[in-house]
Protein backbone atom coordinates (compact mmCIF):
# COMPACT_ATOMS: atom_id res chain seq x y z
CA MET A 1 25.79 -20.65 8.39
CA SER A 2 27.10 -17.49 9.74
CA VAL A 3 24.82 -15.09 11.11
CA ARG A 4 25.00 -11.58 10.04
CA ARG A 5 24.29 -8.98 12.66
CA ALA A 6 22.27 -5.80 12.30
CA PRO A 7 23.97 -2.76 13.71
CA ALA A 8 22.86 -1.56 16.72
CA ILE A 9 21.57 1.97 16.91
CA GLY A 10 23.88 4.61 16.78
CA GLU A 11 26.55 2.49 15.11
CA ARG A 12 27.35 1.82 11.54
CA PRO A 13 29.60 -0.44 9.34
CA VAL A 14 33.01 1.32 8.36
CA ASN A 15 33.01 3.13 4.97
CA GLU A 16 29.05 2.95 4.73
CA PRO A 17 26.81 5.23 4.80
CA VAL A 18 24.59 6.43 7.90
CA HIS A 19 21.27 3.66 7.75
CA SER A 20 23.19 1.71 4.59
CA ILE A 21 20.91 -1.33 3.74
CA GLN A 22 22.03 -4.54 2.32
CA ARG A 23 19.91 -6.81 3.58
CA VAL A 24 16.41 -6.60 3.95
CA ALA A 25 13.70 -9.08 4.93
CA VAL A 26 10.02 -8.49 3.46
CA LEU A 27 7.20 -9.65 5.51
CA GLY A 28 4.29 -11.20 3.16
CA ALA A 29 4.51 -12.67 -0.33
CA GLY A 30 1.17 -11.52 -2.01
CA SER A 31 1.37 -9.81 -5.11
CA TRP A 32 3.18 -6.08 -3.92
CA GLY A 33 5.62 -8.01 -1.58
CA THR A 34 6.71 -10.21 -4.09
CA ALA A 35 7.19 -7.68 -6.63
CA PHE A 36 8.80 -5.28 -4.04
CA ALA A 37 11.01 -8.00 -3.02
CA LYS A 38 11.96 -8.71 -6.72
CA VAL A 39 12.95 -4.88 -7.17
CA LEU A 40 15.23 -5.06 -3.66
CA GLY A 41 16.93 -7.96 -5.26
CA ASP A 42 17.58 -6.60 -8.72
CA ALA A 43 18.95 -3.11 -6.84
CA GLY A 44 21.15 -5.86 -5.56
CA ARG A 45 19.96 -6.28 -1.81
CA GLU A 46 19.91 -9.57 -0.19
CA VAL A 47 16.33 -10.16 0.15
CA ARG A 48 14.47 -12.83 2.78
CA LEU A 49 10.59 -13.13 1.64
CA TRP A 50 8.50 -14.30 4.10
CA ALA A 51 5.63 -16.40 3.09
CA ARG A 52 2.55 -17.46 5.28
CA ARG A 53 2.63 -20.84 3.78
CA SER A 54 5.80 -23.18 3.66
CA GLU A 55 4.98 -24.86 0.66
CA VAL A 56 5.12 -21.44 -1.18
CA ALA A 57 8.70 -20.10 0.34
CA GLU A 58 10.15 -23.90 -0.81
CA ALA A 59 8.80 -23.53 -4.37
CA ILE A 60 9.99 -19.71 -4.46
CA ASN A 61 13.36 -21.45 -3.42
CA ALA A 62 13.06 -24.56 -6.23
CA ASP A 63 11.60 -22.80 -9.14
CA ARG A 64 12.57 -18.93 -8.61
CA HIS A 65 8.64 -18.16 -9.20
CA ASN A 66 5.96 -17.50 -6.87
CA PRO A 67 3.29 -20.27 -7.35
CA ASP A 68 0.42 -18.22 -6.08
CA TYR A 69 1.08 -14.25 -6.98
CA LEU A 70 2.83 -13.06 -10.20
CA SER A 71 3.86 -16.63 -11.17
CA ASP A 72 5.11 -15.93 -14.54
CA VAL A 73 7.93 -13.49 -13.39
CA ALA A 74 11.01 -15.30 -12.76
CA LEU A 75 12.46 -13.98 -8.92
CA PRO A 76 16.25 -13.10 -9.05
CA ASP A 77 18.95 -15.10 -7.45
CA THR A 78 19.60 -12.54 -4.47
CA LEU A 79 15.75 -13.41 -2.86
CA ARG A 80 15.39 -16.39 -0.85
CA ALA A 81 11.76 -17.23 0.84
CA THR A 82 11.56 -18.65 4.12
CA HIS A 83 8.31 -19.62 6.16
CA ASP A 84 10.37 -18.73 9.03
CA ALA A 85 10.12 -15.46 10.49
CA ALA A 86 12.96 -15.19 12.39
CA GLU A 87 15.07 -16.41 9.85
CA ALA A 88 13.76 -13.28 7.35
CA LEU A 89 14.50 -10.87 10.14
CA ASP A 90 17.77 -12.12 11.24
CA GLY A 91 20.39 -9.81 10.33
CA ALA A 92 17.67 -7.23 8.39
CA ASP A 93 19.03 -3.93 8.09
CA ALA A 94 15.54 -2.58 7.06
CA VAL A 95 12.16 -4.64 7.30
CA VAL A 96 9.57 -4.28 4.81
CA LEU A 97 5.49 -5.17 6.02
CA ALA A 98 3.69 -6.30 2.97
CA VAL A 99 0.71 -7.75 4.96
CA PRO A 100 -2.82 -6.55 4.51
CA SER A 101 -3.34 -3.25 6.36
CA GLN A 102 -6.74 -5.03 8.28
CA SER A 103 -4.18 -7.81 9.67
CA LEU A 104 -1.19 -5.93 10.31
CA ARG A 105 -1.31 -5.47 13.88
CA ALA A 106 -1.56 -9.22 14.50
CA ASN A 107 1.00 -10.18 12.49
CA LEU A 108 3.65 -7.59 13.56
CA GLU A 109 2.62 -8.68 17.50
CA ARG A 110 3.96 -12.18 16.72
CA TRP A 111 7.39 -10.67 14.63
CA ARG A 112 7.69 -7.18 17.18
CA ASP A 113 10.76 -9.63 19.59
CA LEU A 114 12.63 -10.70 16.19
CA VAL A 115 12.98 -7.28 14.37
CA PRO A 116 16.60 -6.35 14.76
CA ALA A 117 17.43 -2.92 16.55
CA GLY A 118 17.69 0.13 14.91
CA VAL A 119 16.17 -0.66 11.48
CA THR A 120 13.41 1.19 9.53
CA LEU A 121 10.33 -0.59 9.68
CA THR A 122 8.72 0.39 6.04
CA SER A 123 4.91 -0.27 5.28
CA LEU A 124 3.43 -1.01 1.68
CA ALA A 125 -0.11 -1.41 3.31
CA LYS A 126 -2.27 0.89 1.86
CA GLY A 127 -5.56 1.52 4.43
CA VAL A 128 -6.54 3.10 7.58
CA GLU A 129 -7.40 0.55 10.76
CA LEU A 130 -10.86 -0.24 11.44
CA GLY A 131 -11.85 0.99 14.83
CA THR A 132 -8.98 3.04 15.94
CA LEU A 133 -8.60 4.75 12.76
CA ARG A 134 -4.54 4.42 12.83
CA ARG A 135 -2.59 4.80 9.94
CA MET A 136 -0.50 1.97 9.12
CA THR A 137 3.01 3.79 10.30
CA GLU A 138 0.82 4.56 14.00
CA VAL A 139 -0.09 0.98 13.92
CA ILE A 140 3.69 -0.22 13.61
CA ASP A 141 4.51 2.30 16.31
CA ASP A 142 1.65 1.05 18.57
CA VAL A 143 3.12 -2.17 18.54
CA THR A 144 6.68 -1.60 18.40
CA GLY A 145 6.96 1.73 20.29
CA VAL A 146 10.02 2.51 17.58
CA GLY A 147 9.11 6.23 16.96
CA PRO A 148 7.94 7.65 14.04
CA ASP A 149 11.83 8.43 12.63
CA ARG A 150 12.37 5.03 12.11
CA LEU A 151 8.91 4.28 9.85
CA ALA A 152 8.56 4.98 6.40
CA VAL A 153 5.84 4.11 3.48
CA VAL A 154 5.85 3.62 -0.04
CA SER A 155 3.01 4.95 -2.26
CA GLY A 156 2.38 5.72 -5.61
CA PRO A 157 1.30 4.34 -9.08
CA ASN A 158 2.90 0.98 -8.16
CA LEU A 159 0.66 -1.85 -9.71
CA ALA A 160 2.39 -5.07 -9.18
CA ALA A 161 2.24 -6.90 -12.11
CA GLU A 162 3.69 -4.36 -14.41
CA ILE A 163 6.48 -3.64 -11.43
CA ALA A 164 7.24 -7.41 -11.55
CA HIS A 165 7.57 -7.10 -15.46
CA GLU A 166 10.07 -4.39 -15.35
CA GLN A 167 7.87 -1.62 -16.89
CA PRO A 168 9.18 1.68 -15.81
CA THR A 169 7.36 3.37 -13.13
CA ALA A 170 7.94 5.80 -9.83
CA THR A 171 7.28 6.28 -6.26
CA VAL A 172 7.24 7.95 -3.19
CA ILE A 173 9.39 7.15 -0.31
CA ALA A 174 7.93 9.18 2.88
CA CYS A 175 9.78 8.90 6.11
CA ALA A 176 10.21 12.03 8.83
CA ASP A 177 13.77 10.85 9.08
CA HIS A 178 15.27 11.81 5.60
CA ASP A 179 18.27 10.11 5.70
CA ARG A 180 16.46 6.87 6.32
CA ALA A 181 14.26 7.97 3.01
CA VAL A 182 17.56 8.41 1.08
CA ALA A 183 18.92 4.96 2.24
CA LEU A 184 15.74 3.34 1.09
CA GLN A 185 15.95 5.08 -2.25
CA THR A 186 19.27 3.89 -3.14
CA ALA A 187 18.48 0.03 -1.72
CA CYS A 188 15.75 -0.28 -4.67
CA ALA A 189 16.91 1.81 -7.38
CA THR A 190 17.05 -0.19 -10.35
CA GLY A 191 16.48 0.48 -14.36
CA TYR A 192 12.70 0.50 -14.01
CA PHE A 193 11.69 1.57 -10.69
CA ARG A 194 12.45 5.42 -9.49
CA ALA A 195 11.82 6.43 -6.36
CA TYR A 196 11.46 9.76 -4.63
CA THR A 197 11.74 10.69 -1.24
CA ASN A 198 9.42 12.85 0.77
CA THR A 199 8.75 13.30 4.96
CA ASP A 200 5.35 13.80 5.04
CA VAL A 201 4.31 9.96 6.15
CA VAL A 202 0.52 11.62 7.04
CA GLY A 203 -0.05 12.48 3.35
CA ALA A 204 1.43 9.46 1.65
CA GLU A 205 -0.30 7.20 3.78
CA LEU A 206 -4.02 8.77 3.52
CA GLY A 207 -3.42 9.27 -0.56
CA GLY A 208 -2.95 5.46 -0.75
CA ALA A 209 -5.97 4.44 1.62
CA GLY A 210 -7.90 7.09 -0.07
CA LYS A 211 -7.57 6.35 -3.85
CA ASN A 212 -8.70 2.81 -2.95
CA VAL A 213 -12.16 3.95 -2.14
CA ILE A 214 -12.48 6.43 -5.02
CA ALA A 215 -11.47 3.83 -7.28
CA LEU A 216 -14.55 1.65 -6.03
CA ALA A 217 -16.78 4.22 -7.40
CA VAL A 218 -15.04 5.13 -10.30
CA GLY A 219 -15.08 1.24 -10.94
CA VAL A 220 -18.97 1.29 -9.94
CA ALA A 221 -19.16 3.98 -12.63
CA SER A 222 -17.70 1.70 -15.63
CA GLY A 223 -19.95 -1.22 -14.62
CA MET A 224 -22.67 1.20 -14.74
CA GLY A 225 -21.55 1.76 -18.31
CA LEU A 226 -20.58 5.76 -17.84
CA GLY A 227 -18.32 7.18 -19.87
CA ASP A 228 -15.29 9.20 -19.27
CA ASN A 229 -16.67 12.27 -17.84
CA SER A 230 -18.18 10.48 -14.91
CA ARG A 231 -15.00 8.73 -14.57
CA ALA A 232 -12.77 11.81 -14.65
CA SER A 233 -15.34 13.74 -12.46
CA LEU A 234 -15.17 11.32 -9.82
CA ILE A 235 -11.20 11.22 -9.74
CA THR A 236 -11.23 15.22 -9.56
CA ARG A 237 -13.43 15.48 -7.20
CA GLY A 238 -11.82 12.27 -5.22
CA LEU A 239 -9.03 13.78 -5.55
CA ALA A 240 -10.29 16.82 -4.01
CA GLU A 241 -11.66 14.64 -1.15
CA MET A 242 -8.67 12.90 -0.29
CA SER A 243 -6.74 16.48 0.12
CA ARG A 244 -9.19 18.11 2.67
CA LEU A 245 -8.66 14.81 4.85
CA GLY A 246 -4.95 14.77 4.30
CA MET A 247 -4.56 18.63 5.29
CA ALA A 248 -7.50 18.37 8.30
CA LEU A 249 -5.10 15.66 9.44
CA GLY A 250 -1.63 17.43 9.39
CA ALA A 251 -0.98 16.63 5.46
CA SER A 252 1.04 18.81 3.01
CA PRO A 253 -1.84 19.52 0.07
CA MET A 254 1.51 19.12 -2.16
CA THR A 255 1.93 15.12 -1.88
CA PHE A 256 -1.50 14.73 -3.38
CA ALA A 257 -0.26 16.48 -6.53
CA GLY A 258 2.31 14.09 -6.66
CA LEU A 259 2.76 10.56 -6.97
CA ALA A 260 1.66 9.19 -3.57
CA GLY A 261 -2.01 11.21 -4.29
CA MET A 262 -2.94 11.70 -8.12
CA GLY A 263 -0.28 9.33 -9.35
CA ASP A 264 -1.36 6.59 -7.35
CA LEU A 265 -5.28 7.70 -8.07
CA VAL A 266 -4.94 7.73 -11.72
CA ALA A 267 -3.50 4.38 -11.74
CA THR A 268 -5.82 2.21 -9.53
CA CYS A 269 -9.09 4.49 -11.45
CA SER A 270 -7.85 3.54 -14.78
CA SER A 271 -6.30 -0.49 -14.83
CA PRO A 272 -7.95 -3.21 -14.86
CA LEU A 273 -5.31 -4.06 -12.94
CA SER A 274 -6.48 -2.81 -9.94
CA ARG A 275 -8.33 -5.03 -7.60
CA ASN A 276 -10.65 -2.27 -6.15
CA ARG A 277 -11.87 -0.80 -9.62
CA THR A 278 -13.01 -4.34 -10.88
CA PHE A 279 -14.27 -5.03 -7.78
CA GLY A 280 -16.44 -1.71 -8.27
CA GLU A 281 -17.06 -2.62 -11.73
CA GLN A 282 -18.85 -5.88 -10.09
CA LEU A 283 -20.99 -3.61 -7.91
CA GLY A 284 -21.72 -1.35 -10.58
CA ARG A 285 -23.16 -4.13 -12.70
CA GLY A 286 -25.37 -5.26 -9.85
CA ALA A 287 -23.57 -7.54 -7.92
CA SER A 288 -23.84 -8.08 -4.39
CA LEU A 289 -20.87 -7.75 -2.16
CA ALA A 290 -20.46 -11.51 -1.88
CA GLU A 291 -21.16 -12.01 -5.71
CA ALA A 292 -18.27 -9.11 -6.61
CA GLU A 293 -15.96 -10.90 -3.83
CA LYS A 294 -16.86 -14.08 -5.73
CA ALA A 295 -15.78 -12.41 -9.34
CA ASN A 296 -12.50 -10.97 -7.28
CA HIS A 297 -11.04 -14.52 -7.15
CA GLY A 298 -12.47 -14.70 -3.37
CA GLN A 299 -10.65 -11.47 -2.16
CA VAL A 300 -12.36 -8.44 -0.95
CA ALA A 301 -10.92 -5.16 -2.22
CA GLU A 302 -9.05 -2.69 0.57
CA GLY A 303 -11.26 -0.11 -0.01
CA VAL A 304 -14.21 -1.99 0.87
CA LYS A 305 -13.17 -1.70 4.47
CA SER A 306 -11.02 1.68 3.96
CA CYS A 307 -14.20 3.27 3.30
CA LEU A 308 -15.51 2.96 6.75
CA SER A 309 -12.65 3.99 8.81
CA ILE A 310 -12.11 7.09 5.80
CA CYS A 311 -15.11 8.01 6.69
CA GLU A 312 -15.09 7.85 10.32
CA LEU A 313 -11.77 9.54 9.83
CA GLY A 314 -14.00 12.52 8.07
CA GLU A 315 -16.73 12.82 10.60
CA ARG A 316 -13.88 13.13 13.36
CA ALA A 317 -12.50 16.04 11.62
CA GLY A 318 -15.44 17.51 10.20
CA VAL A 319 -14.40 17.14 6.84
CA GLU A 320 -17.39 16.32 4.14
CA LEU A 321 -15.95 13.26 1.82
CA PRO A 322 -19.28 12.66 -0.32
CA ILE A 323 -17.89 10.06 -2.75
CA ALA A 324 -16.62 8.21 0.24
CA ASP A 325 -19.79 8.10 2.10
CA ALA A 326 -21.72 6.94 -0.99
CA VAL A 327 -18.94 4.20 -1.78
CA ARG A 328 -19.57 3.17 1.69
CA ARG A 329 -23.37 3.18 1.72
CA VAL A 330 -23.28 1.26 -1.56
CA CYS A 331 -20.83 -1.61 0.52
CA HIS A 332 -22.16 -1.73 3.46
CA GLU A 333 -25.91 -0.21 3.66
CA GLY A 334 -27.46 -1.49 0.45
CA MET A 335 -27.66 1.75 -1.94
CA THR A 336 -27.48 0.55 -5.59
CA ALA A 337 -25.15 2.17 -7.99
CA HIS A 338 -28.03 4.34 -9.96
CA GLN A 339 -29.09 5.46 -6.35
CA MET A 340 -25.50 6.67 -5.59
CA ALA A 341 -24.79 8.14 -8.91
CA LYS A 342 -28.49 10.15 -8.40
CA GLU A 343 -27.25 11.55 -5.28
CA LEU A 344 -23.79 12.80 -5.98
CA ILE A 345 -24.72 14.60 -9.51
CA SER A 346 -27.97 15.74 -7.46
CA ARG A 347 -25.80 17.66 -5.06
CA ALA A 348 -26.47 21.25 -3.88
CA PRO A 349 -24.67 23.48 -6.50
CA LYS A 350 -20.98 24.91 -4.62
CA PRO A 351 -17.88 26.24 -5.65
CA GLU A 352 -15.21 24.67 -6.81
């Protein structure tokens, strides 16, 4: 089998635009990685999807379905799966990282020397690394040293199951290098998936991480039987928290009014497909963290860990985050849902 070499830094094929993307490596075959790989395949890209377990890769290639995630969705013929990261990365024009935020660093350290020169590295993960308080693109830069111009993030109201079933949605591709963002925008353009570009990587990433924490709070309220007024209040005040933190860390306030902010927040706080919201509902009904995890098919919602790092970021930046802090104490300090509600509604009056 012939090996296709990715263009070196500063090099591009004749008659192709700068950063043209034809072959994409998607590293991570969970729900979002699988759905985004399908989008790329449907957009006419050649996709190599890396799966952690060899049997998953073999099943995808044999049956055109991922047996573990979105198993009812047929995957395009332009997509092939592999358990070999070197095979997935060989000749790639772009690399999409679709592993959980807290395991990104460890995975990328194993893959670093396999990444082709000059490619765009794109994060699908929504979180802030525990301990370092790094955003995902900062983690990628720490490990690879490629510099911010080669780092992108996809964020927006992107519930994987809906996208995999080709329900129309929009997203944001944020990258400091506008041309790379446009190339990624072109590479994933389909009749059901519309991407907008943005250069505010900080805002896109903090919006994606923060909305998971607010969705936990909304889920807690729903689990307590509270109604639409309570949920709308939490969503709105949660957006204010996210915006305050983002602006303190250099983000544009406009990003939080868009798809990577309000759009993602509404979808995650409203949908039963949202792992964070459904996890919060269990807590609101009185379940322990372990019981909520069991009800969530053994998976811990991203916001359970992110609330720790988000609150620490807020403390470092001198930004008050009352909802995120309440979620942190419910998840990690034994505060009850009723105590959380009473504390939030009893806070000192202030201007909006």
